[in-house]
Amino acid sequence: MPGVAPFWKLSTLDPQRRVLTGAAGAALIGHRLAPGAQVPDDLFHQLKADDPEAGQAAVAALCHVPAPVEDLLVEARQYPAVGVTGLARRLGVSPRSLQRMARHLTGQPPLFWLRLIRLRQALSLARQGIPLVEAAVDAGFADQAHFTREARQFHAATPARLLADARAMDAILAPGL
């Protein structure tokens, strides 16, 4: 709101659903960072409440993802069905080393990212018109019920309900992972 100093909130990945409240007319702007993104201490000094686009550009320019995290996510996106052991093998590290590195740099174990990537792939396929059961199997789920359980856990809704909400699907499938 004009004349009101902005309040900036930076949080780590929070897999829980949260309800945000604010004053009537208040504007909330979120910046979705890639997993493991490192944020410089002076970032908030470069953000301006009256210029959201400049804020987005500053976030994009100043925050970076360490190479090990980028490698992990690239491999996980390409091979989500290999599991943690297979992913570790593809990255040339032990499963335990991969778990320590992922948790240290992203706050979550590699299995979290594999599950999220598989869910996004299945939702993307279903959004393209592929039947839910086929989308589930193609993305590596054991069956449609497994797909539904994961959707409920991550997004508190069934795949059918998510697919009926275009805004939710746009947010779920937005770039950033």
Protein backbone atom coordinates (compact mmCIF):
# COMPACT_ATOMS: atom_id res chain seq x y z
CA MET A 1 0.00 0.00 0.00
CA PRO A 2 1.30 3.47 -0.82
CA GLY A 3 3.08 5.12 2.07
CA VAL A 4 3.49 1.90 4.03
CA ALA A 5 6.93 0.35 4.44
CA PRO A 6 7.11 -3.15 2.97
CA PHE A 7 7.47 -6.17 5.16
CA TRP A 8 9.73 -8.80 3.65
CA LYS A 9 9.49 -12.43 4.72
CA LEU A 10 12.00 -15.02 3.64
CA SER A 11 11.38 -18.62 4.56
CA THR A 12 12.90 -21.94 3.82
CA LEU A 13 10.92 -24.53 1.94
CA ASP A 14 7.79 -25.22 3.93
CA PRO A 15 5.85 -28.28 2.76
CA GLN A 16 2.92 -27.39 5.03
CA ARG A 17 -0.13 -25.48 3.84
CA ARG A 18 -0.32 -21.99 5.35
CA VAL A 19 -3.11 -19.42 5.48
CA LEU A 20 -1.90 -15.86 4.99
CA THR A 21 -3.87 -12.99 6.43
CA GLY A 22 -3.39 -9.31 5.91
CA ALA A 23 -5.09 -5.98 5.91
CA ALA A 24 -7.78 -5.29 3.35
CA GLY A 25 -6.16 -3.96 0.20
CA ALA A 26 -2.70 -5.24 1.08
CA ALA A 27 -0.71 -6.71 -1.77
CA LEU A 28 1.32 -9.87 -1.34
CA ILE A 29 4.04 -10.72 -3.83
CA GLY A 30 5.81 -14.07 -3.74
CA HIS A 31 9.06 -15.06 -5.37
CA ARG A 32 9.46 -18.77 -5.98
CA LEU A 33 13.09 -19.76 -5.75
CA ALA A 34 14.60 -22.95 -7.05
CA PRO A 35 15.29 -25.60 -4.41
CA GLY A 36 18.54 -24.93 -2.61
CA ALA A 37 18.79 -21.35 -3.86
CA GLN A 38 21.26 -19.29 -1.86
CA VAL A 39 20.03 -15.82 -0.96
CA PRO A 40 22.57 -13.04 -0.35
CA ASP A 41 22.31 -11.08 2.90
CA ASP A 42 21.80 -7.76 1.10
CA LEU A 43 18.90 -8.93 -1.07
CA PHE A 44 16.24 -7.04 0.89
CA HIS A 45 18.09 -3.74 0.43
CA GLN A 46 17.58 -4.08 -3.32
CA LEU A 47 13.85 -4.79 -3.21
CA LYS A 48 11.42 -1.90 -3.57
CA ALA A 49 7.77 -2.11 -2.58
CA ASP A 50 6.63 0.17 -5.41
CA ASP A 51 8.38 -1.78 -8.18
CA PRO A 52 7.53 -5.52 -8.06
CA GLU A 53 9.15 -6.23 -11.44
CA ALA A 54 12.47 -4.80 -10.25
CA GLY A 55 12.14 -6.94 -7.13
CA GLN A 56 11.62 -10.05 -9.25
CA ALA A 57 14.64 -9.14 -11.37
CA ALA A 58 16.79 -8.60 -8.25
CA VAL A 59 15.73 -11.95 -6.83
CA ALA A 60 16.51 -13.70 -10.12
CA ALA A 61 19.87 -11.94 -10.53
CA LEU A 62 21.17 -12.31 -6.99
CA CYS A 63 19.95 -15.73 -5.86
CA HIS A 64 21.79 -18.73 -7.24
CA VAL A 65 21.57 -22.48 -6.97
CA PRO A 66 24.78 -24.34 -6.09
CA ALA A 67 25.99 -26.74 -8.79
CA PRO A 68 25.44 -29.90 -6.69
CA VAL A 69 21.77 -29.00 -6.21
CA GLU A 70 21.33 -28.18 -9.89
CA ASP A 71 22.90 -31.54 -10.83
CA LEU A 72 20.62 -33.35 -8.37
CA LEU A 73 17.49 -31.71 -9.76
CA VAL A 74 18.43 -32.17 -13.41
CA GLU A 75 19.03 -35.89 -12.87
CA ALA A 76 15.91 -36.26 -10.71
CA ARG A 77 13.74 -34.60 -13.40
CA GLN A 78 15.17 -36.85 -16.12
CA TYR A 79 15.05 -40.08 -14.11
CA PRO A 80 12.45 -39.78 -11.33
CA ALA A 81 11.75 -43.51 -11.22
CA VAL A 82 15.34 -44.57 -10.38
CA GLY A 83 14.91 -43.92 -6.66
CA VAL A 84 17.48 -42.49 -4.28
CA THR A 85 20.01 -45.29 -4.83
CA GLY A 86 19.79 -44.98 -8.61
CA LEU A 87 19.97 -41.20 -8.42
CA ALA A 88 23.07 -41.40 -6.20
CA ARG A 89 24.67 -43.82 -8.66
CA ARG A 90 23.92 -41.45 -11.56
CA LEU A 91 25.55 -38.59 -9.61
CA GLY A 92 28.57 -40.70 -8.63
CA VAL A 93 28.03 -40.52 -4.86
CA SER A 94 26.82 -42.89 -2.19
CA PRO A 95 23.12 -42.79 -1.25
CA ARG A 96 24.04 -41.55 2.23
CA SER A 97 26.22 -38.74 0.81
CA LEU A 98 23.39 -37.73 -1.50
CA GLN A 99 20.96 -37.65 1.43
CA ARG A 100 23.28 -35.50 3.55
CA MET A 101 24.01 -33.12 0.67
CA ALA A 102 20.35 -32.74 -0.34
CA ARG A 103 19.16 -32.17 3.20
CA HIS A 104 21.97 -29.69 3.90
CA LEU A 105 21.49 -27.66 0.70
CA THR A 106 17.70 -27.87 0.22
CA GLY A 107 16.29 -28.74 3.62
CA GLN A 108 14.71 -31.92 2.24
CA PRO A 109 15.98 -35.43 1.44
CA PRO A 110 16.31 -36.50 -2.20
CA LEU A 111 13.22 -38.71 -1.92
CA PHE A 112 11.12 -35.58 -1.32
CA TRP A 113 12.31 -34.12 -4.64
CA LEU A 114 11.79 -37.39 -6.52
CA ARG A 115 8.23 -37.64 -5.18
CA LEU A 116 7.44 -34.02 -6.05
CA ILE A 117 8.89 -34.34 -9.56
CA ARG A 118 6.92 -37.54 -10.20
CA LEU A 119 3.72 -35.86 -8.98
CA ARG A 120 4.30 -32.83 -11.21
CA GLN A 121 4.94 -35.11 -14.19
CA ALA A 122 1.72 -37.05 -13.60
CA LEU A 123 -0.31 -33.85 -13.20
CA SER A 124 1.24 -32.41 -16.35
CA LEU A 125 0.31 -35.53 -18.32
CA ALA A 126 -3.22 -35.51 -16.91
CA ARG A 127 -3.59 -31.83 -17.81
CA GLN A 128 -2.76 -32.76 -21.40
CA GLY A 129 -5.79 -35.07 -21.42
CA ILE A 130 -4.15 -38.37 -20.60
CA PRO A 131 -6.45 -40.42 -18.32
CA LEU A 132 -5.45 -40.33 -14.65
CA VAL A 133 -4.59 -44.01 -14.45
CA GLU A 134 -2.28 -43.74 -17.49
CA ALA A 135 -0.71 -40.51 -16.25
CA ALA A 136 -0.03 -42.18 -12.89
CA VAL A 137 1.66 -45.23 -14.41
CA ASP A 138 3.60 -43.18 -16.99
CA ALA A 139 5.00 -40.99 -14.18
CA GLY A 140 6.11 -44.02 -12.15
CA PHE A 141 3.29 -44.46 -9.64
CA ALA A 142 2.20 -47.99 -8.77
CA ASP A 143 -1.41 -47.09 -9.56
CA GLN A 144 -3.92 -44.25 -9.57
CA ALA A 145 -4.53 -44.59 -5.82
CA HIS A 146 -0.81 -43.99 -5.17
CA PHE A 147 -0.97 -40.88 -7.39
CA THR A 148 -4.04 -39.66 -5.48
CA ARG A 149 -2.38 -40.17 -2.08
CA GLU A 150 0.67 -38.15 -3.17
CA ALA A 151 -1.53 -35.35 -4.56
CA ARG A 152 -3.44 -35.19 -1.27
CA GLN A 153 -0.24 -35.15 0.75
CA PHE A 154 1.44 -32.39 -1.26
CA HIS A 155 -1.58 -30.32 -2.30
CA ALA A 156 -4.48 -31.39 -0.03
CA ALA A 157 -6.62 -32.30 -3.03
CA THR A 158 -7.20 -35.17 -5.42
CA PRO A 159 -5.74 -34.98 -8.93
CA ALA A 160 -9.25 -34.50 -10.37
CA ARG A 161 -9.89 -31.55 -8.07
CA LEU A 162 -6.52 -30.00 -8.89
CA LEU A 163 -7.12 -30.41 -12.62
CA ALA A 164 -10.44 -28.59 -12.29
CA ASP A 165 -8.66 -25.53 -10.85
CA ALA A 166 -6.64 -23.87 -13.63
CA ARG A 167 -4.97 -21.38 -11.27
CA ALA A 168 -3.84 -24.16 -8.94
CA MET A 169 -2.44 -26.15 -11.85
CA ASP A 170 -0.60 -23.10 -13.20
CA ALA A 171 1.01 -22.60 -9.78
CA ILE A 172 1.84 -26.29 -9.32
CA LEU A 173 3.41 -26.63 -12.76
CA ALA A 174 5.15 -23.22 -12.78
CA PRO A 175 8.87 -23.31 -13.50
CA GLY A 176 11.13 -23.44 -10.49
CA LEU A 177 11.71 -27.11 -9.92
